[in-house]
Amino acid sequence: MSNGIQIHVNGEARGWRAGGTVADLLQELAIKNERVAVELNLEILDRKDFGQRGLKDGDRVEILSFIGGGR
């Protein structure tokens, strides 16, 4: 009696809970929304939509972190 689904995060299969959002995933991975871009099934998401965008079985998520630097 599992409510789990399978998603791919940065190319790796991962179990996830049905009904979880992109924001939930970032929180579980301890990633702050302010400095990332998220692509869901080849669509780049607007940061304001992370909390409303639910993940479904088979979804492919790519998370890109921005790193400051320079001189």
Protein backbone atom coordinates (compact mmCIF):
# COMPACT_ATOMS: atom_id res chain seq x y z
CA MET A 1 0.00 0.00 0.00
CA SER A 2 2.52 2.57 -1.15
CA ASN A 3 1.70 6.11 -2.22
CA GLY A 4 5.09 6.37 -3.86
CA ILE A 5 5.97 7.32 -7.40
CA GLN A 6 9.21 7.16 -9.38
CA ILE A 7 10.83 10.33 -10.71
CA HIS A 8 14.27 11.12 -12.13
CA VAL A 9 16.32 13.86 -10.49
CA ASN A 10 19.39 14.98 -12.42
CA GLY A 11 19.35 11.68 -14.30
CA GLU A 12 18.97 9.39 -11.26
CA ALA A 13 15.84 7.40 -10.46
CA ARG A 14 14.34 8.31 -7.10
CA GLY A 15 11.28 7.28 -5.16
CA TRP A 16 9.00 10.17 -4.24
CA ARG A 17 5.67 10.67 -2.54
CA ALA A 18 2.52 11.19 -4.57
CA GLY A 19 1.27 14.76 -4.24
CA GLY A 20 4.70 16.23 -3.50
CA THR A 21 5.65 19.48 -5.24
CA VAL A 22 8.87 20.79 -6.72
CA ALA A 23 9.26 22.97 -3.60
CA ASP A 24 8.89 19.87 -1.39
CA LEU A 25 11.59 18.10 -3.39
CA LEU A 26 13.99 21.04 -3.07
CA GLN A 27 13.34 21.19 0.67
CA GLU A 28 13.99 17.46 1.09
CA LEU A 29 17.24 17.82 -0.86
CA ALA A 30 18.20 20.87 1.30
CA ILE A 31 18.40 23.11 -1.77
CA LYS A 32 17.43 26.78 -1.41
CA ASN A 33 15.08 28.01 -4.15
CA GLU A 34 16.76 31.40 -4.45
CA ARG A 35 19.79 30.18 -6.37
CA VAL A 36 18.48 27.34 -8.54
CA ALA A 37 16.75 26.80 -11.83
CA VAL A 38 14.47 23.79 -12.18
CA GLU A 39 13.58 22.09 -15.42
CA LEU A 40 10.60 19.73 -15.30
CA ASN A 41 10.15 17.51 -18.35
CA LEU A 42 12.18 19.95 -20.51
CA GLU A 43 10.21 23.00 -19.27
CA ILE A 44 12.04 25.60 -17.20
CA LEU A 45 9.82 26.51 -14.27
CA ASP A 46 9.28 29.96 -12.84
CA ARG A 47 10.43 30.02 -9.21
CA LYS A 48 7.00 31.26 -8.07
CA ASP A 49 5.45 28.02 -9.38
CA PHE A 50 7.64 25.61 -7.37
CA GLY A 51 5.05 25.29 -4.58
CA GLN A 52 2.13 24.64 -6.93
CA ARG A 53 3.83 22.31 -9.40
CA GLY A 54 3.11 18.72 -8.39
CA LEU A 55 5.36 15.86 -9.45
CA LYS A 56 3.91 12.83 -11.22
CA ASP A 57 5.17 9.33 -11.84
CA GLY A 58 7.87 9.35 -14.50
CA ASP A 59 8.64 13.09 -14.27
CA ARG A 60 12.18 14.17 -15.08
CA VAL A 61 13.58 16.97 -12.94
CA GLU A 62 16.86 18.75 -13.57
CA ILE A 63 18.10 21.08 -10.83
CA LEU A 64 20.80 23.59 -11.68
CA SER A 65 22.51 25.58 -8.94
CA PHE A 66 23.98 29.00 -9.56
CA ILE A 67 27.33 29.58 -7.91
CA GLY A 68 28.61 33.09 -7.39
CA GLY A 69 32.22 33.82 -7.94
CA GLY A 70 34.67 35.83 -9.89
CA ARG A 71 37.12 38.46 -8.89
